[in-house]
Amino acid sequence: MEQWTDALDEDGLHWAVMEGDAVVAAARMTVHPDWAALPDCVLADGYEAPDYAGPLASLNRLFVLKSHARLGLSALLDAVR
């Protein structure tokens, strides 16, 4: 299985759905001190950053293997994170 890693993995909170020893779905949440530190915040260029006091959580990664699609795993992962 291909693996994706980035600088946020070390401090992120991770959840996984396992089938035996295999990960069939996973999700990540990261916490950041302010709006500018959120992953991909540059995609919001042109928008005024909200005046939120940090810390801010970002639900920024979720995957489900195609073989396990439509089983409600993404909703389950969203509910727990």
N, C-alpha and C. Protein backbone atom coordinates (compact mmCIF):
# COMPACT_ATOMS: atom_id res chain seq x y z
N MET A 1 0.84 -1.18 0.00
CA MET A 1 0.00 0.00 0.00
C MET A 1 0.89 1.24 0.00
N GLU A 2 0.51 2.21 -0.79
CA GLU A 2 1.24 3.47 -0.83
C GLU A 2 1.05 4.21 0.50
N GLN A 3 2.10 4.88 0.96
CA GLN A 3 2.01 5.64 2.21
C GLN A 3 2.21 7.11 1.93
N TRP A 4 1.40 7.93 2.56
CA TRP A 4 1.54 9.37 2.49
C TRP A 4 1.95 9.87 3.86
N THR A 5 2.96 10.66 3.91
CA THR A 5 3.35 11.29 5.18
C THR A 5 3.67 12.76 4.89
N ASP A 6 3.52 13.57 5.91
CA ASP A 6 3.90 14.96 5.82
C ASP A 6 4.29 15.46 7.20
N ALA A 7 4.65 16.71 7.29
CA ALA A 7 5.15 17.28 8.54
C ALA A 7 4.09 17.29 9.65
N LEU A 8 2.82 17.17 9.30
CA LEU A 8 1.75 17.21 10.31
C LEU A 8 1.50 15.85 10.96
N ASP A 9 2.01 14.78 10.38
CA ASP A 9 1.72 13.44 10.90
C ASP A 9 2.21 13.22 12.32
N GLU A 10 3.38 13.73 12.64
CA GLU A 10 3.98 13.47 13.95
C GLU A 10 3.10 13.99 15.09
N ASP A 11 2.52 15.18 14.92
CA ASP A 11 1.73 15.79 15.99
C ASP A 11 0.22 15.60 15.81
N GLY A 12 -0.19 15.02 14.69
CA GLY A 12 -1.61 14.83 14.43
C GLY A 12 -2.20 13.70 15.25
N LEU A 13 -3.50 13.72 15.37
CA LEU A 13 -4.24 12.63 16.00
C LEU A 13 -4.77 11.75 14.88
N HIS A 14 -4.57 10.44 15.01
CA HIS A 14 -4.90 9.51 13.93
C HIS A 14 -5.87 8.45 14.42
N TRP A 15 -6.79 8.07 13.52
CA TRP A 15 -7.73 6.98 13.77
C TRP A 15 -7.65 6.03 12.59
N ALA A 16 -7.82 4.74 12.85
CA ALA A 16 -7.78 3.75 11.78
C ALA A 16 -8.86 2.70 11.99
N VAL A 17 -9.40 2.21 10.89
CA VAL A 17 -10.30 1.07 10.89
C VAL A 17 -9.48 -0.09 10.33
N MET A 18 -9.42 -1.15 11.11
CA MET A 18 -8.58 -2.30 10.75
C MET A 18 -9.45 -3.48 10.33
N GLU A 19 -8.91 -4.25 9.42
CA GLU A 19 -9.46 -5.55 9.07
C GLU A 19 -8.30 -6.52 9.21
N GLY A 20 -8.27 -7.23 10.32
CA GLY A 20 -7.08 -8.03 10.63
C GLY A 20 -5.92 -7.09 10.90
N ASP A 21 -4.82 -7.29 10.18
CA ASP A 21 -3.65 -6.42 10.32
C ASP A 21 -3.63 -5.28 9.31
N ALA A 22 -4.65 -5.20 8.46
CA ALA A 22 -4.66 -4.21 7.39
C ALA A 22 -5.50 -2.99 7.75
N VAL A 23 -4.97 -1.81 7.43
CA VAL A 23 -5.74 -0.57 7.58
C VAL A 23 -6.64 -0.45 6.35
N VAL A 24 -7.94 -0.35 6.57
CA VAL A 24 -8.88 -0.20 5.45
C VAL A 24 -9.46 1.21 5.36
N ALA A 25 -9.30 1.98 6.43
CA ALA A 25 -9.74 3.37 6.44
C ALA A 25 -8.98 4.09 7.55
N ALA A 26 -8.73 5.37 7.35
CA ALA A 26 -8.01 6.14 8.36
C ALA A 26 -8.35 7.61 8.23
N ALA A 27 -8.18 8.34 9.33
CA ALA A 27 -8.43 9.77 9.35
C ALA A 27 -7.43 10.45 10.27
N ARG A 28 -7.27 11.75 10.04
CA ARG A 28 -6.34 12.54 10.85
C ARG A 28 -6.97 13.88 11.20
N MET A 29 -6.66 14.35 12.39
CA MET A 29 -7.01 15.69 12.82
C MET A 29 -5.74 16.35 13.34
N THR A 30 -5.54 17.60 12.98
CA THR A 30 -4.39 18.33 13.50
C THR A 30 -4.89 19.59 14.19
N VAL A 31 -4.12 20.08 15.15
CA VAL A 31 -4.47 21.28 15.91
C VAL A 31 -3.40 22.33 15.65
N HIS A 32 -3.86 23.58 15.42
CA HIS A 32 -2.97 24.67 15.01
C HIS A 32 -3.24 25.91 15.85
N PRO A 33 -2.22 26.74 16.04
CA PRO A 33 -2.37 27.90 16.92
C PRO A 33 -3.28 28.99 16.36
N ASP A 34 -3.39 29.10 15.03
CA ASP A 34 -4.19 30.15 14.43
C ASP A 34 -4.53 29.80 12.99
N TRP A 35 -5.34 30.64 12.36
CA TRP A 35 -5.82 30.43 11.00
C TRP A 35 -4.67 30.25 10.01
N ALA A 36 -3.64 31.07 10.11
CA ALA A 36 -2.53 31.03 9.16
C ALA A 36 -1.76 29.72 9.21
N ALA A 37 -1.83 29.01 10.31
CA ALA A 37 -1.10 27.75 10.45
C ALA A 37 -1.88 26.54 9.95
N LEU A 38 -3.15 26.74 9.57
CA LEU A 38 -3.95 25.62 9.08
C LEU A 38 -3.38 25.10 7.76
N PRO A 39 -3.45 23.78 7.52
CA PRO A 39 -2.99 23.23 6.26
C PRO A 39 -3.79 23.84 5.10
N ASP A 40 -3.10 24.18 4.05
CA ASP A 40 -3.72 24.70 2.82
C ASP A 40 -4.51 25.98 3.03
N CYS A 41 -4.18 26.76 4.06
CA CYS A 41 -4.90 28.01 4.27
C CYS A 41 -4.72 28.96 3.09
N VAL A 42 -3.65 28.77 2.30
CA VAL A 42 -3.43 29.62 1.13
C VAL A 42 -4.53 29.44 0.09
N LEU A 43 -5.26 28.32 0.16
CA LEU A 43 -6.38 28.11 -0.77
C LEU A 43 -7.50 29.11 -0.51
N ALA A 44 -7.47 29.74 0.65
CA ALA A 44 -8.48 30.73 1.01
C ALA A 44 -8.00 32.14 0.69
N ASP A 45 -6.92 32.29 -0.11
CA ASP A 45 -6.45 33.62 -0.49
C ASP A 45 -7.61 34.41 -1.09
N GLY A 46 -7.70 35.65 -0.72
CA GLY A 46 -8.77 36.49 -1.19
C GLY A 46 -9.92 36.57 -0.20
N TYR A 47 -9.91 35.68 0.77
CA TYR A 47 -10.91 35.71 1.83
C TYR A 47 -10.27 36.30 3.07
N GLU A 48 -11.04 37.05 3.81
CA GLU A 48 -10.54 37.58 5.07
C GLU A 48 -10.52 36.47 6.11
N ALA A 49 -9.39 36.29 6.76
CA ALA A 49 -9.28 35.25 7.79
C ALA A 49 -10.24 35.56 8.92
N PRO A 50 -10.98 34.54 9.35
CA PRO A 50 -11.90 34.77 10.48
C PRO A 50 -11.13 35.17 11.74
N ASP A 51 -11.77 35.89 12.59
CA ASP A 51 -11.14 36.34 13.84
C ASP A 51 -11.42 35.32 14.94
N TYR A 52 -10.88 34.12 14.75
CA TYR A 52 -11.04 33.05 15.74
C TYR A 52 -9.81 33.02 16.64
N ALA A 53 -10.04 32.83 17.91
CA ALA A 53 -8.93 32.62 18.82
C ALA A 53 -8.54 31.15 18.72
N GLY A 54 -7.25 30.87 18.63
CA GLY A 54 -6.78 29.49 18.55
C GLY A 54 -6.86 28.83 19.90
N PRO A 55 -6.61 27.57 19.96
CA PRO A 55 -6.20 26.72 18.85
C PRO A 55 -7.40 26.31 17.97
N LEU A 56 -7.07 25.93 16.71
CA LEU A 56 -8.07 25.50 15.75
C LEU A 56 -7.76 24.08 15.31
N ALA A 57 -8.78 23.26 15.19
CA ALA A 57 -8.60 21.89 14.71
C ALA A 57 -8.89 21.83 13.22
N SER A 58 -8.18 20.96 12.53
CA SER A 58 -8.37 20.76 11.10
C SER A 58 -8.56 19.28 10.82
N LEU A 59 -9.70 18.93 10.23
CA LEU A 59 -9.96 17.56 9.79
C LEU A 59 -9.42 17.50 8.37
N ASN A 60 -8.18 17.06 8.22
CA ASN A 60 -7.52 17.28 6.95
C ASN A 60 -7.06 16.05 6.20
N ARG A 61 -7.42 14.87 6.65
CA ARG A 61 -7.09 13.68 5.87
C ARG A 61 -8.04 12.56 6.25
N LEU A 62 -8.56 11.89 5.23
CA LEU A 62 -9.42 10.74 5.44
C LEU A 62 -9.34 9.87 4.19
N PHE A 63 -9.18 8.57 4.36
CA PHE A 63 -9.22 7.68 3.21
C PHE A 63 -9.94 6.40 3.57
N VAL A 64 -10.55 5.81 2.57
CA VAL A 64 -11.18 4.50 2.68
C VAL A 64 -10.78 3.72 1.44
N LEU A 65 -10.32 2.49 1.63
CA LEU A 65 -9.99 1.67 0.47
C LEU A 65 -11.23 1.49 -0.40
N LYS A 66 -11.02 1.49 -1.70
CA LYS A 66 -12.14 1.33 -2.63
C LYS A 66 -12.95 0.07 -2.31
N SER A 67 -12.26 -0.98 -1.91
CA SER A 67 -12.94 -2.24 -1.59
C SER A 67 -13.86 -2.13 -0.38
N HIS A 68 -13.71 -1.06 0.40
CA HIS A 68 -14.52 -0.87 1.61
C HIS A 68 -15.40 0.38 1.52
N ALA A 69 -15.56 0.90 0.32
CA ALA A 69 -16.40 2.08 0.11
C ALA A 69 -17.86 1.74 0.36
N ARG A 70 -18.63 2.76 0.71
CA ARG A 70 -20.08 2.65 0.92
C ARG A 70 -20.46 1.75 2.10
N LEU A 71 -19.55 1.66 3.05
CA LEU A 71 -19.84 0.90 4.27
C LEU A 71 -20.04 1.83 5.47
N GLY A 72 -19.99 3.13 5.24
CA GLY A 72 -20.16 4.09 6.31
C GLY A 72 -18.90 4.38 7.11
N LEU A 73 -17.74 3.94 6.60
CA LEU A 73 -16.50 4.12 7.37
C LEU A 73 -16.09 5.59 7.46
N SER A 74 -16.27 6.36 6.40
CA SER A 74 -15.89 7.77 6.47
C SER A 74 -16.77 8.52 7.48
N ALA A 75 -18.06 8.21 7.51
CA ALA A 75 -18.95 8.84 8.50
C ALA A 75 -18.55 8.43 9.91
N LEU A 76 -18.19 7.18 10.08
CA LEU A 76 -17.73 6.70 11.41
C LEU A 76 -16.48 7.45 11.84
N LEU A 77 -15.53 7.60 10.95
CA LEU A 77 -14.28 8.31 11.28
C LEU A 77 -14.55 9.78 11.56
N ASP A 78 -15.43 10.41 10.78
CA ASP A 78 -15.77 11.81 11.05
C ASP A 78 -16.43 11.96 12.42
N ALA A 79 -17.24 11.00 12.80
CA ALA A 79 -17.93 11.07 14.09
C ALA A 79 -16.97 10.96 15.26
N VAL A 80 -15.92 10.16 15.14
CA VAL A 80 -15.01 9.97 16.27
C VAL A 80 -13.94 11.05 16.36
N ARG A 81 -13.67 11.74 15.27
CA ARG A 81 -12.67 12.79 15.37
C ARG A 81 -13.34 14.10 15.52
